[in-house]
Every structure is written in C-alpha cells, then in structure tokens.
N, C-alpha and C. Protein backbone atom coordinates (compact mmCIF):
# COMPACT_ATOMS: atom_id res chain seq x y z
N UNK A 1 168.92 81.28 68.63
CA UNK A 1 168.59 79.92 68.96
C UNK A 1 169.56 79.36 70.00
N UNK A 2 170.81 79.73 69.94
CA UNK A 2 171.80 79.23 70.89
C UNK A 2 171.44 79.63 72.32
N UNK A 3 170.88 80.82 72.49
CA UNK A 3 170.50 81.28 73.82
C UNK A 3 169.45 80.35 74.43
N UNK A 4 168.44 79.93 73.66
CA UNK A 4 167.41 79.04 74.19
C UNK A 4 167.98 77.69 74.56
N UNK A 5 168.95 77.21 73.81
CA UNK A 5 169.61 75.95 74.16
C UNK A 5 170.33 76.08 75.50
N UNK A 6 170.97 77.22 75.72
CA UNK A 6 171.66 77.43 76.99
C UNK A 6 170.69 77.46 78.16
N UNK A 7 169.51 78.02 77.96
CA UNK A 7 168.49 78.05 79.00
C UNK A 7 168.01 76.63 79.31
N UNK A 8 167.79 75.83 78.28
CA UNK A 8 167.41 74.44 78.47
C UNK A 8 168.48 73.71 79.27
N UNK A 9 169.71 73.85 78.84
CA UNK A 9 170.83 73.20 79.50
C UNK A 9 170.93 73.62 80.96
N UNK A 10 170.85 74.90 81.22
CA UNK A 10 170.95 75.40 82.59
C UNK A 10 169.81 74.88 83.46
N UNK A 11 168.59 74.92 82.95
CA UNK A 11 167.45 74.44 83.72
C UNK A 11 167.56 72.97 84.08
N UNK A 12 167.97 72.16 83.13
CA UNK A 12 168.10 70.73 83.39
C UNK A 12 169.22 70.46 84.39
N UNK A 13 170.34 71.11 84.21
CA UNK A 13 171.45 70.92 85.15
C UNK A 13 171.05 71.36 86.55
N UNK A 14 170.34 72.46 86.66
CA UNK A 14 169.91 72.93 87.98
C UNK A 14 168.99 71.91 88.64
N UNK A 15 168.06 71.35 87.90
CA UNK A 15 167.15 70.36 88.47
C UNK A 15 167.92 69.12 88.90
N UNK A 16 168.74 68.61 88.03
CA UNK A 16 169.39 67.33 88.29
C UNK A 16 170.53 67.41 89.29
N UNK A 17 171.07 68.57 89.53
CA UNK A 17 172.16 68.66 90.51
C UNK A 17 171.65 68.93 91.92
N UNK A 18 170.37 69.15 92.08
CA UNK A 18 169.79 69.34 93.41
C UNK A 18 169.88 68.02 94.17
N UNK A 19 170.41 68.03 95.37
CA UNK A 19 170.70 66.79 96.11
C UNK A 19 169.45 65.93 96.34
N UNK A 20 168.27 66.53 96.42
CA UNK A 20 167.06 65.75 96.65
C UNK A 20 166.77 64.81 95.48
N UNK A 21 167.34 65.09 94.33
CA UNK A 21 167.09 64.29 93.14
C UNK A 21 168.30 63.47 92.72
N UNK A 22 169.15 63.13 93.66
CA UNK A 22 170.42 62.50 93.30
C UNK A 22 170.26 61.11 92.70
N UNK A 23 169.13 60.47 92.89
CA UNK A 23 168.98 59.12 92.35
C UNK A 23 167.73 58.98 91.49
N UNK A 24 167.41 60.01 90.76
CA UNK A 24 166.22 59.97 89.90
C UNK A 24 166.36 58.96 88.77
N UNK A 25 165.26 58.27 88.52
CA UNK A 25 165.13 57.46 87.33
C UNK A 25 164.43 58.34 86.29
N UNK A 26 165.06 58.57 85.15
CA UNK A 26 164.59 59.56 84.18
C UNK A 26 164.17 58.91 82.87
N UNK A 27 163.00 59.33 82.39
CA UNK A 27 162.54 58.97 81.05
C UNK A 27 162.54 60.24 80.22
N UNK A 28 163.24 60.24 79.11
CA UNK A 28 163.26 61.38 78.19
C UNK A 28 162.40 61.02 76.99
N UNK A 29 161.34 61.82 76.76
CA UNK A 29 160.43 61.59 75.65
C UNK A 29 160.68 62.66 74.59
N UNK A 30 161.00 62.22 73.39
CA UNK A 30 161.15 63.13 72.26
C UNK A 30 159.84 63.15 71.48
N UNK A 31 159.19 64.30 71.46
CA UNK A 31 157.92 64.45 70.76
C UNK A 31 158.06 65.51 69.67
N UNK A 32 159.22 65.54 69.05
CA UNK A 32 159.52 66.56 68.05
C UNK A 32 160.23 65.90 66.88
N UNK A 33 159.59 65.90 65.71
CA UNK A 33 160.28 65.36 64.54
C UNK A 33 160.63 66.45 63.53
N UNK A 34 160.52 67.70 63.98
CA UNK A 34 160.82 68.84 63.10
C UNK A 34 162.32 69.09 63.01
N UNK A 35 163.00 69.16 64.15
CA UNK A 35 164.43 69.42 64.19
C UNK A 35 165.06 68.43 65.15
N UNK A 36 165.60 67.36 64.62
CA UNK A 36 166.10 66.28 65.46
C UNK A 36 167.36 66.64 66.25
N UNK A 37 168.02 67.74 65.91
CA UNK A 37 169.22 68.11 66.67
C UNK A 37 168.86 68.70 68.03
N UNK A 38 167.66 69.20 68.18
CA UNK A 38 167.27 69.85 69.44
C UNK A 38 167.22 68.87 70.61
N UNK A 39 166.77 67.64 70.38
CA UNK A 39 166.71 66.66 71.46
C UNK A 39 168.11 66.31 71.94
N UNK A 40 169.08 66.46 71.07
CA UNK A 40 170.47 66.16 71.46
C UNK A 40 170.95 67.12 72.55
N UNK A 41 170.46 68.35 72.54
CA UNK A 41 170.81 69.33 73.58
C UNK A 41 170.28 68.86 74.93
N UNK A 42 169.05 68.37 74.94
CA UNK A 42 168.46 67.88 76.18
C UNK A 42 169.22 66.65 76.67
N UNK A 43 169.51 65.73 75.76
CA UNK A 43 170.29 64.53 76.14
C UNK A 43 171.63 64.92 76.75
N UNK A 44 172.30 65.86 76.12
CA UNK A 44 173.61 66.31 76.61
C UNK A 44 173.51 66.92 77.99
N UNK A 45 172.48 67.71 78.22
CA UNK A 45 172.29 68.34 79.52
C UNK A 45 172.09 67.30 80.62
N UNK A 46 171.30 66.28 80.34
CA UNK A 46 171.07 65.23 81.33
C UNK A 46 172.36 64.46 81.60
N UNK A 47 173.06 64.11 80.56
CA UNK A 47 174.33 63.37 80.71
C UNK A 47 175.35 64.22 81.45
N UNK A 48 175.48 65.50 81.08
CA UNK A 48 176.44 66.39 81.73
C UNK A 48 176.14 66.58 83.21
N UNK A 49 174.87 66.42 83.59
CA UNK A 49 174.49 66.53 85.00
C UNK A 49 174.76 65.21 85.74
N UNK A 50 175.22 64.19 85.02
CA UNK A 50 175.61 62.94 85.64
C UNK A 50 174.50 61.90 85.74
N UNK A 51 173.47 62.03 84.93
CA UNK A 51 172.35 61.09 84.98
C UNK A 51 172.30 60.22 83.74
N UNK A 52 171.79 59.02 83.95
CA UNK A 52 171.42 58.15 82.85
C UNK A 52 169.93 58.33 82.62
N UNK A 53 169.45 57.95 81.47
CA UNK A 53 168.03 58.09 81.17
C UNK A 53 167.61 57.02 80.18
N UNK A 54 166.33 56.75 80.18
CA UNK A 54 165.72 55.91 79.16
C UNK A 54 165.14 56.86 78.12
N UNK A 55 165.31 56.52 76.86
CA UNK A 55 164.87 57.39 75.78
C UNK A 55 163.68 56.76 75.07
N UNK A 56 162.63 57.56 74.89
CA UNK A 56 161.45 57.13 74.15
C UNK A 56 161.19 58.16 73.06
N UNK A 57 161.20 57.72 71.81
CA UNK A 57 161.00 58.63 70.68
C UNK A 57 159.55 58.52 70.20
N UNK A 58 158.69 59.35 70.79
CA UNK A 58 157.27 59.36 70.44
C UNK A 58 157.06 59.78 68.99
N UNK A 59 157.90 60.68 68.50
CA UNK A 59 157.75 61.16 67.13
C UNK A 59 157.95 60.02 66.13
N UNK A 60 158.93 59.19 66.37
CA UNK A 60 159.20 58.06 65.48
C UNK A 60 158.22 56.92 65.71
N UNK A 61 157.92 56.63 66.98
CA UNK A 61 157.02 55.52 67.31
C UNK A 61 155.57 55.82 66.92
N UNK A 62 155.23 57.11 66.89
CA UNK A 62 153.87 57.50 66.55
C UNK A 62 152.88 57.35 67.69
N UNK A 63 153.39 57.17 68.91
CA UNK A 63 152.55 57.02 70.10
C UNK A 63 153.27 57.60 71.30
N UNK A 64 152.49 57.84 72.35
CA UNK A 64 153.06 58.25 73.64
C UNK A 64 153.56 57.01 74.37
N UNK A 65 154.49 57.20 75.31
CA UNK A 65 154.88 56.06 76.12
C UNK A 65 153.69 55.59 76.97
N UNK A 66 153.64 54.31 77.24
CA UNK A 66 152.55 53.75 78.05
C UNK A 66 152.70 54.17 79.51
N UNK A 67 151.64 53.99 80.26
CA UNK A 67 151.68 54.29 81.68
C UNK A 67 152.72 53.41 82.39
N UNK A 68 152.83 52.16 81.99
CA UNK A 68 153.81 51.29 82.65
C UNK A 68 155.24 51.76 82.38
N UNK A 69 155.51 52.27 81.20
CA UNK A 69 156.84 52.82 80.90
C UNK A 69 157.09 54.05 81.76
N UNK A 70 156.11 54.97 81.81
CA UNK A 70 156.30 56.18 82.60
C UNK A 70 156.38 55.86 84.10
N UNK A 71 155.56 54.94 84.58
CA UNK A 71 155.57 54.61 86.00
C UNK A 71 156.88 53.99 86.46
N UNK A 72 157.66 53.48 85.54
CA UNK A 72 158.96 52.90 85.89
C UNK A 72 160.02 53.98 86.15
N UNK A 73 159.63 55.25 86.03
CA UNK A 73 160.56 56.37 86.18
C UNK A 73 160.02 57.40 87.17
N UNK A 74 160.95 58.02 87.91
CA UNK A 74 160.58 59.08 88.85
C UNK A 74 160.22 60.37 88.15
N UNK A 75 160.88 60.62 87.04
CA UNK A 75 160.72 61.87 86.31
C UNK A 75 160.61 61.59 84.83
N UNK A 76 159.63 62.22 84.18
CA UNK A 76 159.52 62.19 82.73
C UNK A 76 159.82 63.59 82.23
N UNK A 77 160.84 63.71 81.39
CA UNK A 77 161.15 64.97 80.72
C UNK A 77 160.61 64.81 79.30
N UNK A 78 159.61 65.63 78.97
CA UNK A 78 158.90 65.50 77.69
C UNK A 78 159.25 66.70 76.83
N UNK A 79 159.97 66.46 75.73
CA UNK A 79 160.37 67.54 74.84
C UNK A 79 159.38 67.63 73.68
N UNK A 80 158.67 68.77 73.59
CA UNK A 80 157.65 68.94 72.55
C UNK A 80 158.17 69.63 71.30
N UNK A 81 159.26 70.35 71.40
CA UNK A 81 159.75 71.10 70.25
C UNK A 81 158.90 72.33 70.01
N UNK A 82 158.92 72.81 68.77
CA UNK A 82 158.12 73.98 68.42
C UNK A 82 157.60 73.90 66.99
N UNK A 83 157.28 72.69 66.54
CA UNK A 83 156.79 72.54 65.17
C UNK A 83 155.29 72.76 65.04
N UNK A 84 154.58 72.84 66.16
CA UNK A 84 153.20 73.29 66.13
C UNK A 84 152.11 72.28 65.91
N UNK A 85 152.40 71.00 65.83
CA UNK A 85 151.29 70.08 65.64
C UNK A 85 151.67 68.63 65.73
N UNK A 86 150.64 67.80 65.81
CA UNK A 86 150.83 66.36 65.79
C UNK A 86 151.51 65.80 67.03
N UNK A 87 151.42 66.50 68.14
CA UNK A 87 152.10 66.05 69.34
C UNK A 87 151.42 64.85 69.97
N UNK A 88 152.22 63.92 70.40
CA UNK A 88 151.69 62.77 71.12
C UNK A 88 151.44 63.12 72.58
N UNK A 89 151.95 64.27 73.00
CA UNK A 89 151.58 64.80 74.31
C UNK A 89 150.07 65.02 74.35
N UNK A 90 149.52 65.41 73.22
CA UNK A 90 148.06 65.61 73.08
C UNK A 90 147.46 64.51 72.23
N UNK A 91 148.04 63.31 72.27
CA UNK A 91 147.54 62.14 71.54
C UNK A 91 147.54 62.32 70.02
N UNK A 92 148.25 63.30 69.53
CA UNK A 92 148.31 63.53 68.09
C UNK A 92 147.06 64.15 67.50
N UNK A 93 146.03 64.34 68.33
CA UNK A 93 144.78 64.89 67.80
C UNK A 93 144.17 65.95 68.72
N UNK A 94 145.02 66.58 69.52
CA UNK A 94 144.61 67.68 70.40
C UNK A 94 143.62 67.27 71.48
N UNK A 95 143.67 66.01 71.92
CA UNK A 95 142.83 65.57 73.04
C UNK A 95 143.71 65.31 74.26
N UNK A 96 143.09 65.36 75.43
CA UNK A 96 143.84 65.13 76.66
C UNK A 96 144.44 63.74 76.68
N UNK A 97 145.66 63.67 77.18
CA UNK A 97 146.37 62.40 77.27
C UNK A 97 146.13 61.84 78.68
N UNK A 98 145.24 60.89 78.78
CA UNK A 98 144.88 60.32 80.07
C UNK A 98 146.03 59.54 80.70
N UNK A 99 146.95 59.05 79.90
CA UNK A 99 148.11 58.35 80.44
C UNK A 99 149.00 59.30 81.22
N UNK A 100 149.22 60.49 80.68
CA UNK A 100 150.01 61.50 81.40
C UNK A 100 149.30 61.90 82.68
N UNK A 101 148.00 62.10 82.60
CA UNK A 101 147.23 62.46 83.79
C UNK A 101 147.36 61.38 84.86
N UNK A 102 147.23 60.12 84.47
CA UNK A 102 147.34 59.01 85.43
C UNK A 102 148.74 58.96 86.04
N UNK A 103 149.77 59.23 85.24
CA UNK A 103 151.15 59.24 85.75
C UNK A 103 151.31 60.33 86.82
N UNK A 104 150.83 61.52 86.55
CA UNK A 104 150.95 62.63 87.50
C UNK A 104 150.08 62.36 88.73
N UNK A 105 148.86 61.91 88.51
CA UNK A 105 147.96 61.61 89.64
C UNK A 105 148.54 60.52 90.54
N UNK A 106 149.37 59.65 89.97
CA UNK A 106 150.01 58.58 90.74
C UNK A 106 151.29 59.01 91.44
N UNK A 107 151.63 60.29 91.33
CA UNK A 107 152.80 60.81 92.02
C UNK A 107 154.02 61.03 91.15
N UNK A 108 153.91 60.77 89.85
CA UNK A 108 155.03 60.97 88.95
C UNK A 108 155.32 62.45 88.73
N UNK A 109 156.58 62.76 88.43
CA UNK A 109 156.98 64.13 88.12
C UNK A 109 157.14 64.28 86.61
N UNK A 110 156.64 65.39 86.08
CA UNK A 110 156.68 65.65 84.64
C UNK A 110 157.27 67.02 84.39
N UNK A 111 158.28 67.08 83.53
CA UNK A 111 158.84 68.34 83.10
C UNK A 111 158.61 68.43 81.59
N UNK A 112 157.89 69.45 81.17
CA UNK A 112 157.61 69.66 79.75
C UNK A 112 158.53 70.74 79.24
N UNK A 113 159.23 70.46 78.15
CA UNK A 113 160.15 71.42 77.57
C UNK A 113 159.76 71.63 76.11
N UNK A 114 159.60 72.87 75.69
CA UNK A 114 159.27 73.17 74.32
C UNK A 114 158.21 74.23 74.23
N UNK A 115 157.91 74.67 73.03
CA UNK A 115 156.96 75.75 72.81
C UNK A 115 155.58 75.27 72.35
N UNK A 116 155.44 74.01 72.03
CA UNK A 116 154.15 73.49 71.55
C UNK A 116 153.16 73.37 72.69
C-alpha cells in the first residue's frame, strides 16, 4: 500500500511543479468514505508541492460539488478511493454526472485518482 501512496504523491507533485500550472486554483474532492487516511496523502502531496486547495468532502456531504463550485477552480482533483460503490462521481447510482461533464466541456481540468 505504501508504494501506491508514493505514486500518488509523485504524480501530484509532478503536475503541480510544472511551471505552466504555477497559479492553479485547486478543488480537492474526497469521494471515499472507506479509508479516511488515504485522502490525507493527497492533501499532503498538494501542500508539499506548494499549493493551497479548497476541500469538498462528497462522501460526508452525500453529493457532488455543484458546477459553480467546480467552475471556481482551474483544476478538480477527484479522489474516488477503492471501496467499490456509492460514488458521487457517478451520482451515487452509477449514472453519468452531468455536472462533471459541463465542467470539462467548459474548459475545466479534472484529475481522477483512485481505483473505483
């Protein structure tokens, strides 16, 4: 498990340290209520790369972030975890999330992290 955390950390640091992204506004979405320590790895990676972020806990809120919340950010990092179900990425019922589609279609960047 430690190896996968290192891959997450390395990938996030590589993205965020690229000069083209030096002033990204970041939204971190936690969509995993199975193992709450895993999102801390992602938070640490973003902070260690020198970025601030807005945090949205979809697992606790029981909903996805709204389009207006996502549109306020250049990049949405969406952590799905690996618990296998109930994701708000898929509206909690395995249907397409039109809000995510609208965000991407509007030019937003989305990074999905996790096995779900």
